[in-house]
Amino acid sequence: RNSVPVSAFISEERLNQVMEDTKVGGATLTGL
């Protein structure tokens, strides 16, 4: 975020959730 690692703002658990949500981004939209 503006050159600062996002890990400075959100937890590792939340960042892992971002990663998993990204990976199924297309499938999520296909379902909707």
PDB file of all heavy atoms in Angstrom:
ATOM      1  N   ARG A   1       0.878  -1.170   0.000  1.00  0.00           N
ATOM      2  CA  ARG A   1       0.000   0.000   0.000  1.00  0.00           C
ATOM      3  C   ARG A   1       0.917   1.222   0.000  1.00  0.00           C
ATOM      4  O   ARG A   1       1.596   1.501   0.976  1.00  0.00           O
ATOM      5  CB  ARG A   1      -0.897   0.017   1.228  1.00  0.00           C
ATOM      6  CG  ARG A   1      -1.787   1.258   1.287  1.00  0.00           C
ATOM      7  CD  ARG A   1      -2.703   1.274   2.488  1.00  0.00           C
ATOM      8  NE  ARG A   1      -3.546   2.472   2.442  1.00  0.00           N
ATOM      9  CZ  ARG A   1      -4.471   2.764   3.349  1.00  0.00           C
ATOM     10  NH1 ARG A   1      -4.700   1.931   4.364  1.00  0.00           N
ATOM     11  NH2 ARG A   1      -5.188   3.873   3.238  1.00  0.00           N
ATOM     12  N   ASN A   2       0.950   1.906  -1.128  1.00  0.00           N
ATOM     13  CA  ASN A   2       1.870   3.044  -1.302  1.00  0.00           C
ATOM     14  C   ASN A   2       3.294   2.705  -0.849  1.00  0.00           C
ATOM     15  O   ASN A   2       3.897   3.407  -0.034  1.00  0.00           O
ATOM     16  CB  ASN A   2       1.354   4.272  -0.546  1.00  0.00           C
ATOM     17  CG  ASN A   2       0.430   5.109  -1.404  1.00  0.00           C
ATOM     18  OD1 ASN A   2       0.202   4.794  -2.574  1.00  0.00           O
ATOM     19  ND2 ASN A   2      -0.122   6.169  -0.842  1.00  0.00           N
ATOM     20  N   SER A   3       3.795   1.587  -1.368  1.00  0.00           N
ATOM     21  CA  SER A   3       5.167   1.108  -1.138  1.00  0.00           C
ATOM     22  C   SER A   3       5.401   0.482   0.237  1.00  0.00           C
ATOM     23  O   SER A   3       6.491  -0.020   0.499  1.00  0.00           O
ATOM     24  CB  SER A   3       6.206   2.227  -1.354  1.00  0.00           C
ATOM     25  OG  SER A   3       6.116   2.751  -2.664  1.00  0.00           O
ATOM     26  N   VAL A   4       4.405   0.508   1.117  1.00  0.00           N
ATOM     27  CA  VAL A   4       4.528  -0.142   2.426  1.00  0.00           C
ATOM     28  C   VAL A   4       3.925  -1.545   2.330  1.00  0.00           C
ATOM     29  O   VAL A   4       2.792  -1.697   1.863  1.00  0.00           O
ATOM     30  CB  VAL A   4       3.798   0.671   3.517  1.00  0.00           C
ATOM     31  CG1 VAL A   4       3.918  -0.020   4.871  1.00  0.00           C
ATOM     32  CG2 VAL A   4       4.331   2.092   3.579  1.00  0.00           C
ATOM     33  N   PRO A   5       4.656  -2.587   2.731  1.00  0.00           N
ATOM     34  CA  PRO A   5       4.100  -3.945   2.662  1.00  0.00           C
ATOM     35  C   PRO A   5       2.746  -4.036   3.364  1.00  0.00           C
ATOM     36  O   PRO A   5       2.561  -3.474   4.460  1.00  0.00           O
ATOM     37  CB  PRO A   5       5.153  -4.795   3.386  1.00  0.00           C
ATOM     38  CG  PRO A   5       6.428  -4.031   3.230  1.00  0.00           C
ATOM     39  CD  PRO A   5       6.040  -2.577   3.267  1.00  0.00           C
ATOM     40  N   VAL A   6       1.801  -4.716   2.729  1.00  0.00           N
ATOM     41  CA  VAL A   6       0.453  -4.800   3.299  1.00  0.00           C
ATOM     42  C   VAL A   6       0.453  -5.545   4.635  1.00  0.00           C
ATOM     43  O   VAL A   6      -0.470  -5.376   5.443  1.00  0.00           O
ATOM     44  CB  VAL A   6      -0.539  -5.467   2.322  1.00  0.00           C
ATOM     45  CG1 VAL A   6      -0.717  -4.621   1.079  1.00  0.00           C
ATOM     46  CG2 VAL A   6      -0.104  -6.878   1.970  1.00  0.00           C
ATOM     47  N   SER A   7       1.483  -6.336   4.876  1.00  0.00           N
ATOM     48  CA  SER A   7       1.585  -7.057   6.155  1.00  0.00           C
ATOM     49  C   SER A   7       1.711  -6.097   7.333  1.00  0.00           C
ATOM     50  O   SER A   7       1.492  -6.489   8.488  1.00  0.00           O
ATOM     51  CB  SER A   7       2.777  -8.011   6.134  1.00  0.00           C
ATOM     52  OG  SER A   7       3.971  -7.308   5.832  1.00  0.00           O
ATOM     53  N   ALA A   8       2.036  -4.832   7.063  1.00  0.00           N
ATOM     54  CA  ALA A   8       2.101  -3.828   8.136  1.00  0.00           C
ATOM     55  C   ALA A   8       0.703  -3.380   8.570  1.00  0.00           C
ATOM     56  O   ALA A   8       0.556  -2.760   9.633  1.00  0.00           O
ATOM     57  CB  ALA A   8       2.903  -2.612   7.668  1.00  0.00           C
ATOM     58  N   PHE A   9      -0.318  -3.713   7.748  1.00  0.00           N
ATOM     59  CA  PHE A   9      -1.670  -3.216   8.022  1.00  0.00           C
ATOM     60  C   PHE A   9      -2.658  -4.317   8.399  1.00  0.00           C
ATOM     61  O   PHE A   9      -3.615  -4.052   9.130  1.00  0.00           O
ATOM     62  CB  PHE A   9      -2.220  -2.477   6.799  1.00  0.00           C
ATOM     63  CG  PHE A   9      -1.385  -1.306   6.351  1.00  0.00           C
ATOM     64  CD1 PHE A   9      -0.480  -1.432   5.312  1.00  0.00           C
ATOM     65  CD2 PHE A   9      -1.500  -0.070   6.979  1.00  0.00           C
ATOM     66  CE1 PHE A   9       0.295  -0.350   4.891  1.00  0.00           C
ATOM     67  CE2 PHE A   9      -0.737   1.011   6.569  1.00  0.00           C
ATOM     68  CZ  PHE A   9       0.165   0.874   5.526  1.00  0.00           C
ATOM     69  N   ILE A  10      -2.451  -5.521   7.859  1.00  0.00           N
ATOM     70  CA  ILE A  10      -3.408  -6.603   8.118  1.00  0.00           C
ATOM     71  C   ILE A  10      -2.669  -7.855   8.576  1.00  0.00           C
ATOM     72  O   ILE A  10      -1.492  -8.040   8.272  1.00  0.00           O
ATOM     73  CB  ILE A  10      -4.287  -6.908   6.876  1.00  0.00           C
ATOM     74  CG1 ILE A  10      -3.434  -7.173   5.635  1.00  0.00           C
ATOM     75  CG2 ILE A  10      -5.284  -5.800   6.622  1.00  0.00           C
ATOM     76  CD1 ILE A  10      -4.245  -7.537   4.404  1.00  0.00           C
ATOM     77  N   SER A  11      -3.388  -8.712   9.262  1.00  0.00           N
ATOM     78  CA  SER A  11      -2.786  -9.915   9.841  1.00  0.00           C
ATOM     79  C   SER A  11      -2.463 -10.944   8.763  1.00  0.00           C
ATOM     80  O   SER A  11      -3.001 -10.903   7.644  1.00  0.00           O
ATOM     81  CB  SER A  11      -3.738 -10.537  10.852  1.00  0.00           C
ATOM     82  OG  SER A  11      -4.891 -11.047  10.198  1.00  0.00           O
ATOM     83  N   GLU A  12      -1.612 -11.876   9.125  1.00  0.00           N
ATOM     84  CA  GLU A  12      -1.268 -12.964   8.199  1.00  0.00           C
ATOM     85  C   GLU A  12      -2.504 -13.783   7.856  1.00  0.00           C
ATOM     86  O   GLU A  12      -2.690 -14.203   6.716  1.00  0.00           O
ATOM     87  CB  GLU A  12      -0.192 -13.858   8.824  1.00  0.00           C
ATOM     88  CG  GLU A  12       0.281 -14.972   7.903  1.00  0.00           C
ATOM     89  CD  GLU A  12       1.366 -15.830   8.530  1.00  0.00           C
ATOM     90  OE1 GLU A  12       1.840 -15.492   9.636  1.00  0.00           O
ATOM     91  OE2 GLU A  12       1.736 -16.840   7.904  1.00  0.00           O
ATOM     92  N   GLU A  13      -3.369 -13.981   8.846  1.00  0.00           N
ATOM     93  CA  GLU A  13      -4.609 -14.731   8.615  1.00  0.00           C
ATOM     94  C   GLU A  13      -5.497 -14.018   7.590  1.00  0.00           C
ATOM     95  O   GLU A  13      -6.036 -14.650   6.668  1.00  0.00           O
ATOM     96  CB  GLU A  13      -5.360 -14.895   9.929  1.00  0.00           C
ATOM     97  CG  GLU A  13      -6.654 -15.685   9.800  1.00  0.00           C
ATOM     98  CD  GLU A  13      -7.427 -15.780  11.110  1.00  0.00           C
ATOM     99  OE1 GLU A  13      -7.057 -15.052  12.061  1.00  0.00           O
ATOM    100  OE2 GLU A  13      -8.404 -16.550  11.171  1.00  0.00           O
ATOM    101  N   ARG A  14      -5.642 -12.706   7.711  1.00  0.00           N
ATOM    102  CA  ARG A  14      -6.466 -11.940   6.764  1.00  0.00           C
ATOM    103  C   ARG A  14      -5.829 -11.932   5.386  1.00  0.00           C
ATOM    104  O   ARG A  14      -6.538 -12.008   4.368  1.00  0.00           O
ATOM    105  CB  ARG A  14      -6.633 -10.498   7.279  1.00  0.00           C
ATOM    106  CG  ARG A  14      -7.605  -9.665   6.427  1.00  0.00           C
ATOM    107  CD  ARG A  14      -9.021 -10.162   6.582  1.00  0.00           C
ATOM    108  NE  ARG A  14      -9.969  -9.388   5.802  1.00  0.00           N
ATOM    109  CZ  ARG A  14     -10.355  -9.686   4.564  1.00  0.00           C
ATOM    110  NH1 ARG A  14      -9.855 -10.760   3.959  1.00  0.00           N
ATOM    111  NH2 ARG A  14     -11.229  -8.949   3.931  1.00  0.00           N
ATOM    112  N   LEU A  15      -4.514 -11.871   5.342  1.00  0.00           N
ATOM    113  CA  LEU A  15      -3.802 -11.884   4.062  1.00  0.00           C
ATOM    114  C   LEU A  15      -3.960 -13.234   3.366  1.00  0.00           C
ATOM    115  O   LEU A  15      -4.118 -13.303   2.136  1.00  0.00           O
ATOM    116  CB  LEU A  15      -2.329 -11.557   4.283  1.00  0.00           C
ATOM    117  CG  LEU A  15      -1.490 -11.118   3.087  1.00  0.00           C
ATOM    118  CD1 LEU A  15      -2.182 -10.028   2.277  1.00  0.00           C
ATOM    119  CD2 LEU A  15      -0.124 -10.647   3.555  1.00  0.00           C
ATOM    120  N   ASN A  16      -3.959 -14.298   4.134  1.00  0.00           N
ATOM    121  CA  ASN A  16      -4.188 -15.632   3.564  1.00  0.00           C
ATOM    122  C   ASN A  16      -5.602 -15.744   3.009  1.00  0.00           C
ATOM    123  O   ASN A  16      -5.824 -16.392   1.981  1.00  0.00           O
ATOM    124  CB  ASN A  16      -3.940 -16.714   4.609  1.00  0.00           C
ATOM    125  CG  ASN A  16      -2.466 -16.929   4.890  1.00  0.00           C
ATOM    126  OD1 ASN A  16      -1.623 -16.640   4.037  1.00  0.00           O
ATOM    127  ND2 ASN A  16      -2.143 -17.433   6.074  1.00  0.00           N
ATOM    128  N   GLN A  17      -6.564 -15.094   3.680  1.00  0.00           N
ATOM    129  CA  GLN A  17      -7.938 -15.095   3.188  1.00  0.00           C
ATOM    130  C   GLN A  17      -8.038 -14.329   1.871  1.00  0.00           C
ATOM    131  O   GLN A  17      -8.748 -14.748   0.943  1.00  0.00           O
ATOM    132  CB  GLN A  17      -8.871 -14.466   4.226  1.00  0.00           C
ATOM    133  CG  GLN A  17     -10.350 -14.545   3.854  1.00  0.00           C
ATOM    134  CD  GLN A  17     -10.840 -15.976   3.716  1.00  0.00           C
ATOM    135  OE1 GLN A  17     -10.627 -16.786   4.619  1.00  0.00           O
ATOM    136  NE2 GLN A  17     -11.465 -16.297   2.586  1.00  0.00           N
ATOM    137  N   VAL A  18      -7.315 -13.217   1.770  1.00  0.00           N
ATOM    138  CA  VAL A  18      -7.248 -12.460   0.515  1.00  0.00           C
ATOM    139  C   VAL A  18      -6.720 -13.352  -0.604  1.00  0.00           C
ATOM    140  O   VAL A  18      -7.258 -13.366  -1.723  1.00  0.00           O
ATOM    141  CB  VAL A  18      -6.346 -11.216   0.682  1.00  0.00           C
ATOM    142  CG1 VAL A  18      -5.969 -10.624  -0.677  1.00  0.00           C
ATOM    143  CG2 VAL A  18      -7.039 -10.164   1.532  1.00  0.00           C
ATOM    144  N   MET A  19      -5.680 -14.101  -0.304  1.00  0.00           N
ATOM    145  CA  MET A  19      -5.082 -14.991  -1.300  1.00  0.00           C
ATOM    146  C   MET A  19      -6.084 -16.042  -1.769  1.00  0.00           C
ATOM    147  O   MET A  19      -6.244 -16.266  -2.976  1.00  0.00           O
ATOM    148  CB  MET A  19      -3.843 -15.665  -0.716  1.00  0.00           C
ATOM    149  CG  MET A  19      -3.144 -16.618  -1.661  1.00  0.00           C
ATOM    150  SD  MET A  19      -1.540 -17.175  -1.030  1.00  0.00           S
ATOM    151  CE  MET A  19      -2.059 -18.080   0.427  1.00  0.00           C
ATOM    152  N   GLU A  20      -6.779 -16.664  -0.835  1.00  0.00           N
ATOM    153  CA  GLU A  20      -7.738 -17.710  -1.204  1.00  0.00           C
ATOM    154  C   GLU A  20      -8.922 -17.127  -1.968  1.00  0.00           C
ATOM    155  O   GLU A  20      -9.409 -17.734  -2.924  1.00  0.00           O
ATOM    156  CB  GLU A  20      -8.211 -18.454   0.047  1.00  0.00           C
ATOM    157  CG  GLU A  20      -7.127 -19.256   0.749  1.00  0.00           C
ATOM    158  CD  GLU A  20      -6.407 -20.229  -0.175  1.00  0.00           C
ATOM    159  OE1 GLU A  20      -7.074 -20.909  -0.976  1.00  0.00           O
ATOM    160  OE2 GLU A  20      -5.154 -20.299  -0.111  1.00  0.00           O
ATOM    161  N   ASP A  21      -9.397 -15.956  -1.566  1.00  0.00           N
ATOM    162  CA  ASP A  21     -10.501 -15.307  -2.282  1.00  0.00           C
ATOM    163  C   ASP A  21     -10.098 -14.933  -3.706  1.00  0.00           C
ATOM    164  O   ASP A  21     -10.919 -14.998  -4.634  1.00  0.00           O
ATOM    165  CB  ASP A  21     -10.950 -14.048  -1.532  1.00  0.00           C
ATOM    166  CG  ASP A  21     -11.691 -14.358  -0.241  1.00  0.00           C
ATOM    167  OD1 ASP A  21     -12.131 -15.516  -0.059  1.00  0.00           O
ATOM    168  OD2 ASP A  21     -11.829 -13.434   0.596  1.00  0.00           O
ATOM    169  N   THR A  22      -8.841 -14.543  -3.881  1.00  0.00           N
ATOM    170  CA  THR A  22      -8.334 -14.212  -5.213  1.00  0.00           C
ATOM    171  C   THR A  22      -8.334 -15.439  -6.112  1.00  0.00           C
ATOM    172  O   THR A  22      -8.768 -15.380  -7.273  1.00  0.00           O
ATOM    173  CB  THR A  22      -6.908 -13.647  -5.107  1.00  0.00           C
ATOM    174  OG1 THR A  22      -6.926 -12.437  -4.347  1.00  0.00           O
ATOM    175  CG2 THR A  22      -6.325 -13.359  -6.487  1.00  0.00           C
ATOM    176  N   LYS A  23      -7.868 -16.547  -5.584  1.00  0.00           N
ATOM    177  CA  LYS A  23      -7.728 -17.771  -6.384  1.00  0.00           C
ATOM    178  C   LYS A  23      -9.066 -18.292  -6.900  1.00  0.00           C
ATOM    179  O   LYS A  23      -9.136 -18.877  -7.978  1.00  0.00           O
ATOM    180  CB  LYS A  23      -6.990 -18.835  -5.571  1.00  0.00           C
ATOM    181  CG  LYS A  23      -5.524 -18.494  -5.354  1.00  0.00           C
ATOM    182  CD  LYS A  23      -4.870 -19.282  -4.240  1.00  0.00           C
ATOM    183  CE  LYS A  23      -4.583 -20.697  -4.596  1.00  0.00           C
ATOM    184  NZ  LYS A  23      -3.748 -21.361  -3.561  1.00  0.00           N
ATOM    185  N   VAL A  24     -10.132 -18.062  -6.130  1.00  0.00           N
ATOM    186  CA  VAL A  24     -11.462 -18.513  -6.573  1.00  0.00           C
ATOM    187  C   VAL A  24     -12.301 -17.343  -7.086  1.00  0.00           C
ATOM    188  O   VAL A  24     -13.525 -17.430  -7.158  1.00  0.00           O
ATOM    189  CB  VAL A  24     -12.216 -19.260  -5.444  1.00  0.00           C
ATOM    190  CG1 VAL A  24     -11.469 -20.528  -5.065  1.00  0.00           C
ATOM    191  CG2 VAL A  24     -12.428 -18.364  -4.222  1.00  0.00           C
ATOM    192  N   GLY A  25     -11.620 -16.251  -7.482  1.00  0.00           N
ATOM    193  CA  GLY A  25     -12.332 -15.057  -7.941  1.00  0.00           C
ATOM    194  C   GLY A  25     -13.246 -15.328  -9.114  1.00  0.00           C
ATOM    195  O   GLY A  25     -14.395 -14.865  -9.151  1.00  0.00           O
ATOM    196  N   GLY A  26     -12.771 -16.088 -10.092  1.00  0.00           N
ATOM    197  CA  GLY A  26     -13.586 -16.399 -11.255  1.00  0.00           C
ATOM    198  C   GLY A  26     -14.742 -17.319 -10.913  1.00  0.00           C
ATOM    199  O   GLY A  26     -15.875 -17.119 -11.358  1.00  0.00           O
ATOM    200  N   ALA A  27     -14.464 -18.348 -10.092  1.00  0.00           N
ATOM    201  CA  ALA A  27     -15.505 -19.299  -9.700  1.00  0.00           C
ATOM    202  C   ALA A  27     -16.585 -18.612  -8.871  1.00  0.00           C
ATOM    203  O   ALA A  27     -17.774 -18.933  -8.994  1.00  0.00           O
ATOM    204  CB  ALA A  27     -14.881 -20.448  -8.911  1.00  0.00           C
ATOM    205  N   THR A  28     -16.186 -17.658  -8.024  1.00  0.00           N
ATOM    206  CA  THR A  28     -17.158 -16.916  -7.218  1.00  0.00           C
ATOM    207  C   THR A  28     -18.137 -16.167  -8.115  1.00  0.00           C
ATOM    208  O   THR A  28     -19.359 -16.199  -7.894  1.00  0.00           O
ATOM    209  CB  THR A  28     -16.418 -15.916  -6.294  1.00  0.00           C
ATOM    210  OG1 THR A  28     -15.532 -16.630  -5.432  1.00  0.00           O
ATOM    211  CG2 THR A  28     -17.404 -15.120  -5.460  1.00  0.00           C
ATOM    212  N   LEU A  29     -17.612 -15.516  -9.143  1.00  0.00           N
ATOM    213  CA  LEU A  29     -18.470 -14.765 -10.061  1.00  0.00           C
ATOM    214  C   LEU A  29     -19.333 -15.692 -10.916  1.00  0.00           C
ATOM    215  O   LEU A  29     -20.498 -15.393 -11.188  1.00  0.00           O
ATOM    216  CB  LEU A  29     -17.614 -13.862 -10.956  1.00  0.00           C
ATOM    217  CG  LEU A  29     -17.075 -12.615 -10.242  1.00  0.00           C
ATOM    218  CD1 LEU A  29     -15.928 -12.004 -11.013  1.00  0.00           C
ATOM    219  CD2 LEU A  29     -18.178 -11.602 -10.047  1.00  0.00           C
ATOM    220  N   THR A  30     -18.763 -16.821 -11.323  1.00  0.00           N
ATOM    221  CA  THR A  30     -19.538 -17.788 -12.105  1.00  0.00           C
ATOM    222  C   THR A  30     -20.728 -18.297 -11.298  1.00  0.00           C
ATOM    223  O   THR A  30     -21.830 -18.465 -11.818  1.00  0.00           O
ATOM    224  CB  THR A  30     -18.648 -18.967 -12.546  1.00  0.00           C
ATOM    225  OG1 THR A  30     -17.570 -18.466 -13.338  1.00  0.00           O
ATOM    226  CG2 THR A  30     -19.430 -19.975 -13.368  1.00  0.00           C
ATOM    227  N   GLY A  31     -20.501 -18.515  -9.992  1.00  0.00           N
ATOM    228  CA  GLY A  31     -21.592 -18.946  -9.130  1.00  0.00           C
ATOM    229  C   GLY A  31     -22.680 -17.892  -8.996  1.00  0.00           C
ATOM    230  O   GLY A  31     -23.871 -18.213  -8.958  1.00  0.00           O
ATOM    231  N   LEU A  32     -22.280 -16.628  -8.949  1.00  0.00           N
ATOM    232  CA  LEU A  32     -23.244 -15.542  -8.803  1.00  0.00           C
ATOM    233  C   LEU A  32     -23.975 -15.232 -10.108  1.00  0.00           C
ATOM    234  O   LEU A  32     -25.174 -14.948 -10.118  1.00  0.00           O
ATOM    235  CB  LEU A  32     -22.530 -14.278  -8.311  1.00  0.00           C
ATOM    236  CG  LEU A  32     -21.985 -14.310  -6.873  1.00  0.00           C
ATOM    237  CD1 LEU A  32     -21.068 -13.118  -6.632  1.00  0.00           C
ATOM    238  CD2 LEU A  32     -23.131 -14.314  -5.869  1.00  0.00           C
TER     239      LEU A  32
END
